[in-house]
Amino acid sequence: MSDQHIDPAGNTQQFRAFAQRSEQETSSHRKKSPLLPIIAVVVVIAVIGVAAFLLLK
């Protein structure tokens, strides 16, 4: 017969490894993401500036 004893420490260690891996993946994505919004804001400000210059000319 097989042993029906389930080791709760094994499950806890697996969950902690999973949670730690998920946090690292999420934090690495967060570090890269601010670049795109910053570029978008700069482009929008440039377009507004050019439009204002052309309208006031």
N, C-alpha and C. Protein backbone atom coordinates (compact mmCIF):
# COMPACT_ATOMS: atom_id res chain seq x y z
N MET A 1 0.84 -1.19 0.00
CA MET A 1 0.00 0.00 0.00
C MET A 1 0.88 1.25 0.00
N SER A 2 0.37 2.26 -0.62
CA SER A 2 1.12 3.52 -0.66
C SER A 2 0.85 4.33 0.61
N ASP A 3 1.77 5.15 0.94
CA ASP A 3 1.66 6.00 2.12
C ASP A 3 0.75 7.19 1.79
N GLN A 4 -0.31 7.38 2.56
CA GLN A 4 -1.27 8.46 2.31
C GLN A 4 -0.92 9.75 3.04
N HIS A 5 0.22 9.76 3.70
CA HIS A 5 0.64 10.96 4.44
C HIS A 5 1.10 12.04 3.45
N ILE A 6 0.51 13.20 3.54
CA ILE A 6 0.88 14.34 2.69
C ILE A 6 1.72 15.29 3.52
N ASP A 7 2.86 15.65 3.02
CA ASP A 7 3.77 16.54 3.74
C ASP A 7 3.34 18.00 3.52
N PRO A 8 2.77 18.65 4.55
CA PRO A 8 2.33 20.04 4.37
C PRO A 8 3.50 20.99 4.14
N ALA A 9 4.68 20.68 4.66
CA ALA A 9 5.84 21.55 4.45
C ALA A 9 6.23 21.56 2.98
N GLY A 10 6.10 20.46 2.31
CA GLY A 10 6.42 20.39 0.88
C GLY A 10 5.50 21.29 0.08
N ASN A 11 4.23 21.27 0.38
CA ASN A 11 3.28 22.13 -0.32
C ASN A 11 3.56 23.60 -0.01
N THR A 12 3.89 23.91 1.24
CA THR A 12 4.19 25.28 1.62
C THR A 12 5.44 25.78 0.89
N GLN A 13 6.44 24.94 0.81
CA GLN A 13 7.67 25.34 0.12
C GLN A 13 7.41 25.54 -1.37
N GLN A 14 6.60 24.71 -1.95
CA GLN A 14 6.27 24.87 -3.36
C GLN A 14 5.49 26.16 -3.58
N PHE A 15 4.56 26.47 -2.68
CA PHE A 15 3.79 27.69 -2.82
C PHE A 15 4.67 28.92 -2.66
N ARG A 16 5.57 28.89 -1.68
CA ARG A 16 6.47 30.02 -1.48
C ARG A 16 7.37 30.22 -2.70
N ALA A 17 7.85 29.15 -3.28
CA ALA A 17 8.67 29.26 -4.49
C ALA A 17 7.85 29.86 -5.63
N PHE A 18 6.60 29.42 -5.76
CA PHE A 18 5.72 29.96 -6.80
C PHE A 18 5.45 31.44 -6.56
N ALA A 19 5.14 31.83 -5.33
CA ALA A 19 4.84 33.22 -5.01
C ALA A 19 6.07 34.10 -5.23
N GLN A 20 7.21 33.62 -4.85
CA GLN A 20 8.44 34.38 -5.03
C GLN A 20 8.74 34.56 -6.52
N ARG A 21 8.55 33.52 -7.29
CA ARG A 21 8.79 33.60 -8.73
C ARG A 21 7.81 34.57 -9.37
N SER A 22 6.55 34.56 -8.95
CA SER A 22 5.55 35.46 -9.51
C SER A 22 5.88 36.91 -9.20
N GLU A 23 6.34 37.18 -7.97
CA GLU A 23 6.70 38.55 -7.61
C GLU A 23 7.88 39.04 -8.42
N GLN A 24 8.86 38.20 -8.67
CA GLN A 24 10.03 38.60 -9.45
C GLN A 24 9.63 38.88 -10.90
N GLU A 25 8.77 38.07 -11.46
CA GLU A 25 8.33 38.30 -12.83
C GLU A 25 7.54 39.60 -12.92
N THR A 26 6.68 39.85 -11.95
CA THR A 26 5.87 41.07 -11.95
C THR A 26 6.75 42.30 -11.78
N SER A 27 7.72 42.23 -10.88
CA SER A 27 8.57 43.39 -10.65
C SER A 27 9.45 43.67 -11.87
N SER A 28 9.86 42.65 -12.61
CA SER A 28 10.67 42.89 -13.79
C SER A 28 9.84 43.54 -14.89
N HIS A 29 8.55 43.23 -14.97
CA HIS A 29 7.69 43.87 -15.95
C HIS A 29 7.42 45.32 -15.56
N ARG A 30 7.31 45.59 -14.30
CA ARG A 30 7.05 46.95 -13.85
C ARG A 30 8.22 47.88 -14.12
N LYS A 31 9.42 47.37 -14.07
CA LYS A 31 10.59 48.20 -14.30
C LYS A 31 10.67 48.65 -15.76
N LYS A 32 10.18 47.87 -16.67
CA LYS A 32 10.26 48.21 -18.09
C LYS A 32 9.08 49.06 -18.55
N SER A 33 7.95 48.99 -17.90
CA SER A 33 6.73 49.61 -18.40
C SER A 33 6.69 51.14 -18.35
N PRO A 34 7.35 51.86 -17.44
CA PRO A 34 7.23 53.33 -17.45
C PRO A 34 7.82 53.99 -18.70
N LEU A 35 8.64 53.32 -19.45
CA LEU A 35 9.25 53.92 -20.63
C LEU A 35 8.21 54.28 -21.68
N LEU A 36 7.28 53.41 -21.94
CA LEU A 36 6.27 53.67 -22.97
C LEU A 36 5.37 54.85 -22.61
N PRO A 37 4.83 54.95 -21.40
CA PRO A 37 4.01 56.13 -21.08
C PRO A 37 4.80 57.44 -21.13
N ILE A 38 6.06 57.41 -20.75
CA ILE A 38 6.87 58.63 -20.80
C ILE A 38 7.04 59.08 -22.24
N ILE A 39 7.32 58.15 -23.14
CA ILE A 39 7.45 58.49 -24.56
C ILE A 39 6.14 59.02 -25.10
N ALA A 40 5.03 58.41 -24.71
CA ALA A 40 3.72 58.86 -25.18
C ALA A 40 3.43 60.28 -24.72
N VAL A 41 3.76 60.61 -23.48
CA VAL A 41 3.53 61.96 -22.95
C VAL A 41 4.39 62.97 -23.70
N VAL A 42 5.65 62.63 -23.96
CA VAL A 42 6.53 63.55 -24.69
C VAL A 42 5.99 63.80 -26.10
N VAL A 43 5.51 62.75 -26.77
CA VAL A 43 4.96 62.91 -28.11
C VAL A 43 3.70 63.78 -28.09
N VAL A 44 2.83 63.57 -27.12
CA VAL A 44 1.61 64.37 -27.02
C VAL A 44 1.95 65.83 -26.76
N ILE A 45 2.90 66.10 -25.89
CA ILE A 45 3.31 67.49 -25.61
C ILE A 45 3.91 68.12 -26.87
N ALA A 46 4.70 67.37 -27.62
CA ALA A 46 5.28 67.91 -28.85
C ALA A 46 4.19 68.23 -29.87
N VAL A 47 3.21 67.35 -30.01
CA VAL A 47 2.12 67.59 -30.97
C VAL A 47 1.32 68.82 -30.55
N ILE A 48 1.03 68.95 -29.28
CA ILE A 48 0.29 70.12 -28.79
C ILE A 48 1.10 71.39 -29.02
N GLY A 49 2.41 71.32 -28.78
CA GLY A 49 3.27 72.48 -29.00
C GLY A 49 3.29 72.90 -30.46
N VAL A 50 3.41 71.95 -31.36
CA VAL A 50 3.42 72.27 -32.79
C VAL A 50 2.07 72.83 -33.21
N ALA A 51 0.99 72.25 -32.73
CA ALA A 51 -0.34 72.75 -33.07
C ALA A 51 -0.55 74.17 -32.55
N ALA A 52 -0.11 74.43 -31.34
CA ALA A 52 -0.24 75.78 -30.77
C ALA A 52 0.61 76.78 -31.56
N PHE A 53 1.81 76.39 -31.96
CA PHE A 53 2.67 77.26 -32.74
C PHE A 53 2.04 77.59 -34.08
N LEU A 54 1.46 76.60 -34.73
CA LEU A 54 0.83 76.83 -36.04
C LEU A 54 -0.43 77.68 -35.92
N LEU A 55 -1.18 77.51 -34.84
CA LEU A 55 -2.40 78.30 -34.67
C LEU A 55 -2.09 79.75 -34.31
N LEU A 56 -1.03 80.00 -33.59
CA LEU A 56 -0.69 81.36 -33.16
C LEU A 56 0.17 82.10 -34.19
N LYS A 57 0.58 81.43 -35.21
CA LYS A 57 1.45 82.02 -36.23
C LYS A 57 0.72 83.01 -37.08
